[in-house]
Amino acid sequence: TARDAPHVASIPGAEGAECAFGPPERVALVGSVLLRTCVAPPGSPERPRADVAVALPRTALLEKDYLDYRYHAKRALYLQYL
């Protein structure tokens, strides 16, 4: 299915390098929703917002991705993929 198929993206600053993205390894609620302190005023048109922590799949990262900010580029591309 389309959900299971990896998404391939080019990495900025690394010509010819590509990265395959799949489903996240972990998704967790964090912040005020988790602590049950999220408050929305009664009658407010705004809904409460939730903070979510997402772990990139291990297959998306390489050992030397800390060089030349590739990790940060991959992280940004993965958020765009989600």
N, C-alpha and C. Protein backbone atom coordinates (compact mmCIF):
# COMPACT_ATOMS: atom_id res chain seq x y z
N THR A 1 0.84 -1.19 0.00
CA THR A 1 0.00 0.00 0.00
C THR A 1 0.88 1.25 0.00
N ALA A 2 0.27 2.37 -0.25
CA ALA A 2 1.03 3.63 -0.28
C ALA A 2 1.60 3.97 1.09
N ARG A 3 0.89 3.58 2.14
CA ARG A 3 1.37 3.89 3.50
C ARG A 3 2.65 3.13 3.81
N ASP A 4 2.78 1.91 3.31
CA ASP A 4 3.96 1.09 3.59
C ASP A 4 5.13 1.37 2.66
N ALA A 5 4.87 2.03 1.54
CA ALA A 5 5.94 2.31 0.58
C ALA A 5 6.82 3.43 1.10
N PRO A 6 8.14 3.27 1.03
CA PRO A 6 9.02 4.35 1.50
C PRO A 6 8.97 5.54 0.57
N HIS A 7 9.17 6.70 1.11
CA HIS A 7 9.24 7.94 0.36
C HIS A 7 10.71 8.29 0.20
N VAL A 8 11.11 8.59 -1.03
CA VAL A 8 12.52 8.91 -1.29
C VAL A 8 12.64 10.41 -1.49
N ALA A 9 13.60 11.03 -0.80
CA ALA A 9 13.81 12.47 -0.89
C ALA A 9 15.28 12.75 -1.13
N SER A 10 15.56 13.83 -1.85
CA SER A 10 16.94 14.27 -2.06
C SER A 10 17.36 15.13 -0.88
N ILE A 11 18.62 15.02 -0.51
CA ILE A 11 19.13 15.77 0.65
C ILE A 11 19.82 17.03 0.15
N PRO A 12 19.38 18.20 0.61
CA PRO A 12 20.02 19.46 0.18
C PRO A 12 21.49 19.49 0.57
N GLY A 13 22.33 19.95 -0.35
CA GLY A 13 23.76 20.07 -0.07
C GLY A 13 24.52 18.78 -0.28
N ALA A 14 23.84 17.70 -0.59
CA ALA A 14 24.50 16.41 -0.83
C ALA A 14 24.00 15.89 -2.17
N GLU A 15 24.60 16.39 -3.24
CA GLU A 15 24.16 16.04 -4.58
C GLU A 15 24.25 14.53 -4.79
N GLY A 16 23.19 13.95 -5.32
CA GLY A 16 23.15 12.53 -5.60
C GLY A 16 22.77 11.67 -4.40
N ALA A 17 22.68 12.26 -3.21
CA ALA A 17 22.32 11.49 -2.01
C ALA A 17 20.80 11.47 -1.87
N GLU A 18 20.27 10.32 -1.55
CA GLU A 18 18.85 10.18 -1.33
C GLU A 18 18.60 9.46 -0.02
N CYS A 19 17.42 9.63 0.50
CA CYS A 19 17.06 9.01 1.77
C CYS A 19 15.66 8.44 1.64
N ALA A 20 15.48 7.20 2.08
CA ALA A 20 14.15 6.56 2.04
C ALA A 20 13.50 6.68 3.41
N PHE A 21 12.28 7.20 3.44
CA PHE A 21 11.55 7.37 4.68
C PHE A 21 10.41 6.36 4.75
N GLY A 22 10.21 5.81 5.92
CA GLY A 22 9.10 4.91 6.18
C GLY A 22 8.33 5.41 7.38
N PRO A 23 7.53 4.56 7.98
CA PRO A 23 6.78 4.98 9.17
C PRO A 23 7.71 5.27 10.34
N PRO A 24 7.31 6.16 11.24
CA PRO A 24 8.18 6.49 12.38
C PRO A 24 8.39 5.28 13.30
N GLU A 25 9.54 5.28 13.96
CA GLU A 25 9.82 4.21 14.91
C GLU A 25 8.95 4.31 16.15
N ARG A 26 8.72 5.55 16.58
CA ARG A 26 7.96 5.81 17.79
C ARG A 26 7.22 7.13 17.66
N VAL A 27 6.03 7.19 18.21
CA VAL A 27 5.27 8.44 18.30
C VAL A 27 4.77 8.54 19.74
N ALA A 28 5.00 9.68 20.37
CA ALA A 28 4.60 9.83 21.77
C ALA A 28 4.03 11.22 22.01
N LEU A 29 3.01 11.28 22.84
CA LEU A 29 2.48 12.56 23.29
C LEU A 29 3.42 13.14 24.34
N VAL A 30 3.70 14.41 24.24
CA VAL A 30 4.54 15.09 25.23
C VAL A 30 3.88 16.42 25.58
N GLY A 31 4.36 17.05 26.60
CA GLY A 31 3.87 18.39 26.93
C GLY A 31 2.62 18.40 27.77
N SER A 32 1.83 19.46 27.61
CA SER A 32 0.70 19.71 28.51
C SER A 32 -0.43 18.70 28.37
N VAL A 33 -0.63 18.12 27.20
CA VAL A 33 -1.69 17.12 27.04
C VAL A 33 -1.35 15.88 27.86
N LEU A 34 -0.10 15.48 27.80
CA LEU A 34 0.35 14.31 28.56
C LEU A 34 0.19 14.55 30.07
N LEU A 35 0.49 15.76 30.51
CA LEU A 35 0.40 16.10 31.93
C LEU A 35 -1.02 16.47 32.37
N ARG A 36 -1.94 16.48 31.40
CA ARG A 36 -3.35 16.84 31.64
C ARG A 36 -3.47 18.27 32.19
N THR A 37 -2.64 19.16 31.69
CA THR A 37 -2.71 20.56 32.11
C THR A 37 -3.10 21.47 30.95
N CYS A 38 -3.49 20.88 29.83
CA CYS A 38 -3.89 21.65 28.65
C CYS A 38 -5.27 22.24 28.91
N VAL A 39 -5.40 23.53 28.75
CA VAL A 39 -6.65 24.20 29.07
C VAL A 39 -7.09 25.03 27.87
N ALA A 40 -8.36 24.90 27.53
CA ALA A 40 -8.97 25.75 26.50
C ALA A 40 -10.11 26.50 27.18
N PRO A 41 -10.21 27.81 26.99
CA PRO A 41 -11.29 28.57 27.61
C PRO A 41 -12.65 28.06 27.15
N PRO A 42 -13.64 27.99 28.04
CA PRO A 42 -14.97 27.54 27.64
C PRO A 42 -15.54 28.44 26.55
N GLY A 43 -16.10 27.83 25.53
CA GLY A 43 -16.69 28.59 24.43
C GLY A 43 -15.68 29.12 23.43
N SER A 44 -14.42 28.79 23.61
CA SER A 44 -13.38 29.26 22.70
C SER A 44 -13.44 28.48 21.39
N PRO A 45 -13.28 29.17 20.25
CA PRO A 45 -13.29 28.45 18.97
C PRO A 45 -12.01 27.63 18.75
N GLU A 46 -10.97 27.92 19.53
CA GLU A 46 -9.72 27.18 19.37
C GLU A 46 -9.78 25.85 20.10
N ARG A 47 -9.18 24.85 19.49
CA ARG A 47 -9.07 23.55 20.13
C ARG A 47 -7.72 23.45 20.81
N PRO A 48 -7.62 22.64 21.83
CA PRO A 48 -6.30 22.43 22.45
C PRO A 48 -5.34 21.82 21.45
N ARG A 49 -4.08 22.16 21.56
CA ARG A 49 -3.05 21.62 20.67
C ARG A 49 -2.21 20.63 21.44
N ALA A 50 -1.74 19.61 20.75
CA ALA A 50 -0.92 18.58 21.38
C ALA A 50 0.49 18.61 20.81
N ASP A 51 1.47 18.41 21.67
CA ASP A 51 2.86 18.27 21.24
C ASP A 51 3.14 16.78 21.05
N VAL A 52 3.79 16.46 19.94
CA VAL A 52 4.05 15.06 19.61
C VAL A 52 5.54 14.91 19.34
N ALA A 53 6.14 13.87 19.93
CA ALA A 53 7.54 13.53 19.65
C ALA A 53 7.55 12.34 18.70
N VAL A 54 8.31 12.48 17.62
CA VAL A 54 8.38 11.44 16.58
C VAL A 54 9.83 11.01 16.43
N ALA A 55 10.06 9.70 16.42
CA ALA A 55 11.42 9.17 16.23
C ALA A 55 11.59 8.72 14.78
N LEU A 56 12.63 9.24 14.13
CA LEU A 56 12.93 8.83 12.77
C LEU A 56 13.24 7.34 12.74
N PRO A 57 12.87 6.66 11.64
CA PRO A 57 13.24 5.25 11.53
C PRO A 57 14.76 5.12 11.39
N ARG A 58 15.31 4.08 11.96
CA ARG A 58 16.76 3.87 11.90
C ARG A 58 17.27 3.75 10.48
N THR A 59 16.44 3.26 9.60
CA THR A 59 16.84 3.07 8.20
C THR A 59 17.04 4.41 7.49
N ALA A 60 16.52 5.50 8.04
CA ALA A 60 16.65 6.81 7.40
C ALA A 60 17.98 7.49 7.70
N LEU A 61 18.70 7.00 8.72
CA LEU A 61 19.93 7.66 9.14
C LEU A 61 21.15 6.80 8.83
N LEU A 62 22.22 7.47 8.50
CA LEU A 62 23.51 6.81 8.29
C LEU A 62 24.46 7.20 9.40
N GLU A 63 25.55 6.47 9.52
CA GLU A 63 26.50 6.70 10.62
C GLU A 63 27.10 8.10 10.61
N LYS A 64 27.36 8.65 9.45
CA LYS A 64 28.04 9.95 9.36
C LYS A 64 27.08 11.10 9.06
N ASP A 65 25.82 10.96 9.38
CA ASP A 65 24.86 12.03 9.11
C ASP A 65 25.05 13.24 10.01
N TYR A 66 25.85 13.12 11.02
CA TYR A 66 26.12 14.29 11.88
C TYR A 66 27.04 15.29 11.18
N LEU A 67 27.68 14.87 10.11
CA LEU A 67 28.58 15.76 9.36
C LEU A 67 27.76 16.65 8.42
N ASP A 68 28.20 17.87 8.26
CA ASP A 68 27.60 18.81 7.31
C ASP A 68 26.09 19.00 7.50
N TYR A 69 25.61 18.85 8.71
CA TYR A 69 24.20 19.10 9.04
C TYR A 69 23.22 18.19 8.29
N ARG A 70 23.67 17.04 7.80
CA ARG A 70 22.77 16.14 7.09
C ARG A 70 21.66 15.62 8.00
N TYR A 71 21.97 15.40 9.27
CA TYR A 71 20.93 14.94 10.21
C TYR A 71 19.79 15.95 10.28
N HIS A 72 20.14 17.22 10.38
CA HIS A 72 19.13 18.27 10.49
C HIS A 72 18.31 18.37 9.20
N ALA A 73 18.98 18.21 8.05
CA ALA A 73 18.27 18.25 6.77
C ALA A 73 17.31 17.06 6.67
N LYS A 74 17.77 15.88 7.10
CA LYS A 74 16.90 14.70 7.05
C LYS A 74 15.73 14.83 8.01
N ARG A 75 15.98 15.40 9.17
CA ARG A 75 14.91 15.60 10.15
C ARG A 75 13.84 16.53 9.58
N ALA A 76 14.26 17.61 8.94
CA ALA A 76 13.31 18.55 8.35
C ALA A 76 12.54 17.88 7.20
N LEU A 77 13.22 17.11 6.37
CA LEU A 77 12.55 16.41 5.28
C LEU A 77 11.56 15.38 5.81
N TYR A 78 11.91 14.73 6.92
CA TYR A 78 11.00 13.72 7.48
C TYR A 78 9.74 14.37 8.02
N LEU A 79 9.88 15.51 8.67
CA LEU A 79 8.69 16.23 9.14
C LEU A 79 7.80 16.65 7.97
N GLN A 80 8.43 17.02 6.87
CA GLN A 80 7.68 17.37 5.68
C GLN A 80 6.98 16.13 5.11
N TYR A 81 7.65 14.98 5.17
CA TYR A 81 7.07 13.72 4.71
C TYR A 81 5.85 13.35 5.54
N LEU A 82 5.93 13.56 6.85
CA LEU A 82 4.78 13.22 7.70
C LEU A 82 3.61 14.10 7.38
